[in-house]
C-alpha cells in the first residue's frame, strides 16, 4: 500500500504543530534556562546534547516527545560507547557469517 505525498501532508503538519506547542509550553513553564534542552550552547552540531553541568544522563529532546542522551555525563557517554560497540560487533558478525 503506497502513500501519496498528499496524504502525508496532514501527518507532517501535525508533527510540526505538536513540536511547536511543546516548545512554547516549556518556555511558559520557565524551562528555557541553562538546563533547558533548548539551550543552544549545550547542543553540538544541533544533534548531540553535551552539558557537563547537568546531572542527568537523559534529558528531554530538543524537539518532539521523549528523551536523548547527555554526552557530557559519564553514564551517557558509556551508554553511547556501548551502543556503538554492539552495532560494530553486529555488523562484523554479519560480514563474517554472511
Protein backbone atom coordinates (compact mmCIF):
# COMPACT_ATOMS: atom_id res chain seq x y z
CA UNK A 1 0.00 0.00 0.00
CA UNK A 2 1.71 3.15 -1.17
CA UNK A 3 1.04 6.52 0.40
CA UNK A 4 0.87 9.57 -1.78
CA UNK A 5 2.67 12.77 -0.86
CA UNK A 6 -0.70 14.48 -0.46
CA UNK A 7 -1.76 12.04 2.26
CA UNK A 8 1.43 12.74 4.24
CA UNK A 9 0.85 16.50 4.44
CA UNK A 10 -1.56 16.31 7.42
CA UNK A 11 0.82 14.00 9.29
CA UNK A 12 3.81 16.32 8.78
CA UNK A 13 1.68 19.33 9.74
CA UNK A 14 0.56 17.60 12.96
CA UNK A 15 4.13 16.67 13.95
CA UNK A 16 5.35 20.24 13.40
CA UNK A 17 2.38 21.68 15.31
CA UNK A 18 2.98 19.40 18.31
CA UNK A 19 6.70 20.24 18.38
CA UNK A 20 5.98 23.97 18.29
CA UNK A 21 3.35 23.64 21.01
CA UNK A 22 5.76 21.76 23.26
CA UNK A 23 8.47 24.35 22.74
CA UNK A 24 6.04 27.11 23.69
CA UNK A 25 4.84 25.20 26.75
CA UNK A 26 8.42 24.75 28.00
CA UNK A 27 9.05 28.49 27.66
CA UNK A 28 5.87 29.33 29.55
CA UNK A 29 6.82 26.98 32.41
CA UNK A 30 10.21 28.65 32.69
CA UNK A 31 12.20 25.72 31.35
CA UNK A 32 14.18 27.81 28.89
CA UNK A 33 17.15 28.33 31.23
CA UNK A 34 20.68 26.90 31.09
CA UNK A 35 19.47 23.35 31.89
CA UNK A 36 16.83 23.52 29.19
CA UNK A 37 17.06 21.23 26.18
CA UNK A 38 16.64 24.39 24.06
CA UNK A 39 19.94 25.90 25.26
CA UNK A 40 21.98 26.21 22.04
CA UNK A 41 25.36 26.04 23.81
CA UNK A 42 24.52 22.52 25.03
CA UNK A 43 23.87 21.15 21.54
CA UNK A 44 26.83 20.17 19.37
CA UNK A 45 26.12 20.22 15.62
CA UNK A 46 22.46 20.68 16.59
CA UNK A 47 22.16 16.93 17.22
CA UNK A 48 24.18 15.91 20.27
CA UNK A 49 23.44 17.17 23.78
CA UNK A 50 26.65 17.81 25.77
CA UNK A 51 26.27 19.55 29.14
CA UNK A 52 28.67 18.61 31.94
CA UNK A 53 26.79 20.85 34.41
CA UNK A 54 23.59 18.81 34.02
CA UNK A 55 23.38 15.90 36.49
CA UNK A 56 21.01 13.87 34.26
CA UNK A 57 22.27 11.42 31.68
CA UNK A 58 18.89 11.53 29.92
CA UNK A 59 17.45 14.93 29.02
CA UNK A 60 14.25 15.96 27.20
CA UNK A 61 14.60 16.09 23.45
CA UNK A 62 15.01 19.48 21.84
CA UNK A 63 12.04 18.89 19.56
CA UNK A 64 9.29 16.36 19.93
CA UNK A 65 8.47 13.85 22.61
CA UNK A 66 10.96 11.72 24.51
CA UNK A 67 14.50 11.87 25.81
CA UNK A 68 18.02 11.95 24.44
CA UNK A 69 21.40 11.09 25.93
CA UNK A 70 23.52 13.78 27.59
CA UNK A 71 27.03 13.04 26.31
CA UNK A 72 28.51 15.33 28.98
CA UNK A 73 27.53 12.85 31.70
CA UNK A 74 29.77 9.77 32.20
CA UNK A 75 26.78 7.38 32.13
CA UNK A 76 25.52 8.96 28.92
CA UNK A 77 28.91 8.60 27.26
CA UNK A 78 29.19 4.97 28.45
CA UNK A 79 25.74 4.23 27.03
CA UNK A 80 26.66 5.68 23.63
CA UNK A 81 30.01 3.83 23.52
CA UNK A 82 28.29 0.55 24.45
CA UNK A 83 25.67 1.12 21.76
CA UNK A 84 28.40 1.78 19.19
CA UNK A 85 30.31 -1.37 20.21
CA UNK A 86 27.16 -3.50 19.91
CA UNK A 87 26.50 -2.02 16.47
CA UNK A 88 30.05 -2.66 15.26
CA UNK A 89 30.07 -6.22 16.60
CA UNK A 90 26.72 -6.92 14.93
CA UNK A 91 27.92 -5.61 11.57
CA UNK A 92 31.23 -7.51 11.84
CA UNK A 93 29.40 -10.69 12.79
CA UNK A 94 27.07 -10.31 9.80
CA UNK A 95 30.01 -9.79 7.43
CA UNK A 96 31.87 -12.82 8.79
CA UNK A 97 28.87 -15.16 8.61
CA UNK A 98 27.17 -13.85 5.50
